[in-house]
């Protein structure tokens, strides 16, 4: 295996710091997304329990809320999967950066592809996350308008 002098390894480490910071940032985003998903799941379980014990006239309203929560859970699942793919691609990118430097391999297109894939997955995750935020606020507004039909 070729030996890379420390003076040549330092620039590689500097380049690899970017994707590592990206992994950390996306990790915090994943924490937020999984917390939101947990809240959706907990609320869904509570509503399902309420539905089992609710009078018939309340059933359609609870089912509608469960439908909204189910859709939100699927959106959050997509966001979490895309953010996880982004982290995986960033981690592979760090490894490829080191391997190409150590082995002196031409891998510019691979590095570009990994970085672009990482960013596209992150963009998709953020779009899904924004979609969930909008759905949750729309559901809240609907719920509040049902409680107070004359306005908020």
C-alpha atoms as a PDB file:
ATOM      1  CA  UNK A   1       0.000   0.000   0.000  1.00  0.00           C
ATOM      2  CA  UNK A   2       1.440   3.404  -0.933  1.00  0.00           C
ATOM      3  CA  UNK A   3       2.490   5.615   1.932  1.00  0.00           C
ATOM      4  CA  UNK A   4       1.110   9.139   2.032  1.00  0.00           C
ATOM      5  CA  UNK A   5       3.280  11.703   3.808  1.00  0.00           C
ATOM      6  CA  UNK A   6       1.599  13.719   6.544  1.00  0.00           C
ATOM      7  CA  UNK A   7       2.026  16.925   4.553  1.00  0.00           C
ATOM      8  CA  UNK A   8      -0.113  15.412   1.787  1.00  0.00           C
ATOM      9  CA  UNK A   9      -2.632  13.873   4.189  1.00  0.00           C
ATOM     10  CA  UNK A  10      -3.494  17.170   5.893  1.00  0.00           C
ATOM     11  CA  UNK A  11      -5.204  18.659   2.793  1.00  0.00           C
ATOM     12  CA  UNK A  12      -7.224  15.448   2.444  1.00  0.00           C
ATOM     13  CA  UNK A  13      -8.340  15.780   6.059  1.00  0.00           C
ATOM     14  CA  UNK A  14      -9.302  19.398   5.425  1.00  0.00           C
ATOM     15  CA  UNK A  15     -11.400  18.409   2.417  1.00  0.00           C
ATOM     16  CA  UNK A  16     -13.038  15.562   4.360  1.00  0.00           C
ATOM     17  CA  UNK A  17     -14.136  17.887   7.183  1.00  0.00           C
ATOM     18  CA  UNK A  18     -16.942  19.327   5.018  1.00  0.00           C
ATOM     19  CA  UNK A  19     -18.832  16.053   4.583  1.00  0.00           C
ATOM     20  CA  UNK A  20     -18.232  15.177   8.251  1.00  0.00           C
ATOM     21  CA  UNK A  21     -19.847  18.452   9.344  1.00  0.00           C
ATOM     22  CA  UNK A  22     -22.688  17.696   6.940  1.00  0.00           C
ATOM     23  CA  UNK A  23     -23.198  14.329   8.632  1.00  0.00           C
ATOM     24  CA  UNK A  24     -23.434  16.061  12.007  1.00  0.00           C
ATOM     25  CA  UNK A  25     -25.943  18.622  10.762  1.00  0.00           C
ATOM     26  CA  UNK A  26     -28.124  16.032   9.070  1.00  0.00           C
ATOM     27  CA  UNK A  27     -27.946  13.973  12.268  1.00  0.00           C
ATOM     28  CA  UNK A  28     -29.613  16.839  14.138  1.00  0.00           C
ATOM     29  CA  UNK A  29     -32.215  17.107  11.388  1.00  0.00           C
ATOM     30  CA  UNK A  30     -32.855  13.362  11.681  1.00  0.00           C
ATOM     31  CA  UNK A  31     -33.314  13.766  15.431  1.00  0.00           C
ATOM     32  CA  UNK A  32     -35.967  16.412  14.812  1.00  0.00           C
ATOM     33  CA  UNK A  33     -37.709  14.284  12.199  1.00  0.00           C
ATOM     34  CA  UNK A  34     -37.762  11.160  14.339  1.00  0.00           C
ATOM     35  CA  UNK A  35     -39.137  13.165  17.276  1.00  0.00           C
ATOM     36  CA  UNK A  36     -41.930  14.480  15.058  1.00  0.00           C
ATOM     37  CA  UNK A  37     -42.630  10.949  13.835  1.00  0.00           C
ATOM     38  CA  UNK A  38     -42.771   9.732  17.433  1.00  0.00           C
ATOM     39  CA  UNK A  39     -45.307  12.407  18.298  1.00  0.00           C
ATOM     40  CA  UNK A  40     -47.418  11.457  15.258  1.00  0.00           C
ATOM     41  CA  UNK A  41     -47.313   7.788  16.266  1.00  0.00           C
ATOM     42  CA  UNK A  42     -48.199   8.569  19.893  1.00  0.00           C
ATOM     43  CA  UNK A  43     -51.078  10.829  18.837  1.00  0.00           C
ATOM     44  CA  UNK A  44     -52.315   8.176  16.398  1.00  0.00           C
ATOM     45  CA  UNK A  45     -52.359   5.550  19.122  1.00  0.00           C
ATOM     46  CA  UNK A  46     -54.261   7.872  21.462  1.00  0.00           C
ATOM     47  CA  UNK A  47     -56.822   8.715  18.758  1.00  0.00           C
ATOM     48  CA  UNK A  48     -57.237   5.044  17.842  1.00  0.00           C
ATOM     49  CA  UNK A  49     -57.957   4.299  21.489  1.00  0.00           C
ATOM     50  CA  UNK A  50     -60.420   7.220  21.631  1.00  0.00           C
ATOM     51  CA  UNK A  51     -62.110   5.907  18.493  1.00  0.00           C
ATOM     52  CA  UNK A  52     -62.722   2.525  20.107  1.00  0.00           C
ATOM     53  CA  UNK A  53     -64.562   4.195  22.995  1.00  0.00           C
ATOM     54  CA  UNK A  54     -66.146   7.138  21.148  1.00  0.00           C
ATOM     55  CA  UNK A  55     -69.845   7.602  20.421  1.00  0.00           C
ATOM     56  CA  UNK A  56     -70.759   7.009  16.753  1.00  0.00           C
ATOM     57  CA  UNK A  57     -71.208  10.708  15.932  1.00  0.00           C
ATOM     58  CA  UNK A  58     -67.566  11.445  16.864  1.00  0.00           C
ATOM     59  CA  UNK A  59     -66.137   8.517  14.848  1.00  0.00           C
ATOM     60  CA  UNK A  60     -65.854  10.271  11.450  1.00  0.00           C
ATOM     61  CA  UNK A  61     -63.974  13.200  12.954  1.00  0.00           C
ATOM     62  CA  UNK A  62     -61.495  10.900  14.700  1.00  0.00           C
ATOM     63  CA  UNK A  63     -61.042   8.808  11.547  1.00  0.00           C
ATOM     64  CA  UNK A  64     -60.322  11.972   9.556  1.00  0.00           C
ATOM     65  CA  UNK A  65     -57.675  12.971  12.101  1.00  0.00           C
ATOM     66  CA  UNK A  66     -56.159   9.487  11.928  1.00  0.00           C
ATOM     67  CA  UNK A  67     -56.029   9.740   8.127  1.00  0.00           C
ATOM     68  CA  UNK A  68     -54.122  13.029   8.375  1.00  0.00           C
ATOM     69  CA  UNK A  69     -51.728  11.530  10.919  1.00  0.00           C
ATOM     70  CA  UNK A  70     -51.189   8.476   8.717  1.00  0.00           C
ATOM     71  CA  UNK A  71     -50.321  10.688   5.755  1.00  0.00           C
ATOM     72  CA  UNK A  72     -47.959  12.726   7.926  1.00  0.00           C
ATOM     73  CA  UNK A  73     -46.260   9.550   9.165  1.00  0.00           C
ATOM     74  CA  UNK A  74     -45.627   8.453   5.567  1.00  0.00           C
ATOM     75  CA  UNK A  75     -44.235  11.904   4.662  1.00  0.00           C
ATOM     76  CA  UNK A  76     -41.946  11.847   7.695  1.00  0.00           C
ATOM     77  CA  UNK A  77     -40.853   8.322   6.802  1.00  0.00           C
ATOM     78  CA  UNK A  78     -39.836   9.559   3.348  1.00  0.00           C
ATOM     79  CA  UNK A  79     -37.986  12.506   4.881  1.00  0.00           C
ATOM     80  CA  UNK A  80     -36.131  10.250   7.331  1.00  0.00           C
ATOM     81  CA  UNK A  81     -35.174   7.781   4.597  1.00  0.00           C
ATOM     82  CA  UNK A  82     -33.890  10.555   2.320  1.00  0.00           C
ATOM     83  CA  UNK A  83     -31.924  12.202   5.145  1.00  0.00           C
ATOM     84  CA  UNK A  84     -30.428   8.808   6.033  1.00  0.00           C
ATOM     85  CA  UNK A  85     -29.427   8.238   2.403  1.00  0.00           C
ATOM     86  CA  UNK A  86     -27.795  11.672   2.437  1.00  0.00           C
ATOM     87  CA  UNK A  87     -25.766  10.757   5.532  1.00  0.00           C
ATOM     88  CA  UNK A  88     -24.761   7.418   4.003  1.00  0.00           C
ATOM     89  CA  UNK A  89     -23.583   9.115   0.812  1.00  0.00           C
ATOM     90  CA  UNK A  90     -21.619  11.695   2.812  1.00  0.00           C
ATOM     91  CA  UNK A  91     -19.946   8.906   4.798  1.00  0.00           C
ATOM     92  CA  UNK A  92     -19.043   7.053   1.591  1.00  0.00           C
ATOM     93  CA  UNK A  93     -17.752  10.335   0.185  1.00  0.00           C
ATOM     94  CA  UNK A  94     -15.322  10.701   3.102  1.00  0.00           C
ATOM     95  CA  UNK A  95     -14.038   7.168   2.545  1.00  0.00           C
ATOM     96  CA  UNK A  96     -13.661   7.740  -1.204  1.00  0.00           C
ATOM     97  CA  UNK A  97     -11.794  10.996  -0.579  1.00  0.00           C
ATOM     98  CA  UNK A  98      -9.282   9.173   1.597  1.00  0.00           C
ATOM     99  CA  UNK A  99      -8.931   6.188  -0.727  1.00  0.00           C
ATOM    100  CA  UNK A 100      -8.410   8.333  -3.810  1.00  0.00           C
ATOM    101  CA  UNK A 101      -5.753  10.364  -1.997  1.00  0.00           C
ATOM    102  CA  UNK A 102      -3.951   7.371  -0.535  1.00  0.00           C
ATOM    103  CA  UNK A 103      -4.110   5.234  -3.670  1.00  0.00           C
ATOM    104  CA  UNK A 104      -3.748   8.184  -6.060  1.00  0.00           C
ATOM    105  CA  UNK A 105      -6.838   7.152  -8.015  1.00  0.00           C
ATOM    106  CA  UNK A 106      -8.682   9.382 -10.488  1.00  0.00           C
ATOM    107  CA  UNK A 107     -12.180   9.537  -9.038  1.00  0.00           C
ATOM    108  CA  UNK A 108     -13.430  13.043  -9.718  1.00  0.00           C
ATOM    109  CA  UNK A 109     -16.699  11.844 -11.251  1.00  0.00           C
ATOM    110  CA  UNK A 110     -17.333   9.474  -8.367  1.00  0.00           C
ATOM    111  CA  UNK A 111     -16.728  12.263  -5.849  1.00  0.00           C
ATOM    112  CA  UNK A 112     -18.968  14.647  -7.790  1.00  0.00           C
ATOM    113  CA  UNK A 113     -21.674  11.986  -8.054  1.00  0.00           C
ATOM    114  CA  UNK A 114     -21.550  11.150  -4.352  1.00  0.00           C
ATOM    115  CA  UNK A 115     -21.702  14.809  -3.348  1.00  0.00           C
ATOM    116  CA  UNK A 116     -24.531  15.555  -5.787  1.00  0.00           C
ATOM    117  CA  UNK A 117     -26.458  12.498  -4.576  1.00  0.00           C
ATOM    118  CA  UNK A 118     -25.938  13.560  -0.983  1.00  0.00           C
ATOM    119  CA  UNK A 119     -27.268  17.050  -1.701  1.00  0.00           C
ATOM    120  CA  UNK A 120     -30.220  15.791  -3.766  1.00  0.00           C
ATOM    121  CA  UNK A 121     -31.246  13.396  -0.994  1.00  0.00           C
ATOM    122  CA  UNK A 122     -30.952  16.220   1.546  1.00  0.00           C
ATOM    123  CA  UNK A 123     -33.064  18.511  -0.637  1.00  0.00           C
ATOM    124  CA  UNK A 124     -35.706  15.776  -0.936  1.00  0.00           C
ATOM    125  CA  UNK A 125     -35.675  15.267   2.836  1.00  0.00           C
ATOM    126  CA  UNK A 126     -36.111  18.981   3.463  1.00  0.00           C
ATOM    127  CA  UNK A 127     -38.952  19.232   0.950  1.00  0.00           C
ATOM    128  CA  UNK A 128     -40.739  16.332   2.653  1.00  0.00           C
ATOM    129  CA  UNK A 129     -40.090  17.910   6.063  1.00  0.00           C
ATOM    130  CA  UNK A 130     -41.585  21.222   4.908  1.00  0.00           C
ATOM    131  CA  UNK A 131     -44.543  19.308   3.475  1.00  0.00           C
ATOM    132  CA  UNK A 132     -45.105  17.681   6.876  1.00  0.00           C
ATOM    133  CA  UNK A 133     -44.942  21.053   8.620  1.00  0.00           C
ATOM    134  CA  UNK A 134     -47.559  22.446   6.260  1.00  0.00           C
ATOM    135  CA  UNK A 135     -49.785  19.377   6.699  1.00  0.00           C
ATOM    136  CA  UNK A 136     -49.578  19.616  10.484  1.00  0.00           C
ATOM    137  CA  UNK A 137     -50.529  23.294  10.489  1.00  0.00           C
ATOM    138  CA  UNK A 138     -53.384  22.686   8.047  1.00  0.00           C
ATOM    139  CA  UNK A 139     -54.676  19.874  10.277  1.00  0.00           C
ATOM    140  CA  UNK A 140     -54.439  22.135  13.333  1.00  0.00           C
ATOM    141  CA  UNK A 141     -56.307  24.903  11.568  1.00  0.00           C
ATOM    142  CA  UNK A 142     -59.029  22.436  10.538  1.00  0.00           C
ATOM    143  CA  UNK A 143     -59.290  21.108  14.094  1.00  0.00           C
ATOM    144  CA  UNK A 144     -59.520  24.597  15.565  1.00  0.00           C
ATOM    145  CA  UNK A 145     -62.136  25.659  13.025  1.00  0.00           C
ATOM    146  CA  UNK A 146     -64.267  22.625  13.984  1.00  0.00           C
ATOM    147  CA  UNK A 147     -64.030  23.579  17.666  1.00  0.00           C
ATOM    148  CA  UNK A 148     -64.812  27.241  16.978  1.00  0.00           C
ATOM    149  CA  UNK A 149     -66.931  27.484  13.795  1.00  0.00           C
ATOM    150  CA  UNK A 150     -67.339  31.252  14.123  1.00  0.00           C
ATOM    151  CA  UNK A 151     -63.582  31.801  13.803  1.00  0.00           C
ATOM    152  CA  UNK A 152     -60.389  31.700  15.820  1.00  0.00           C
END
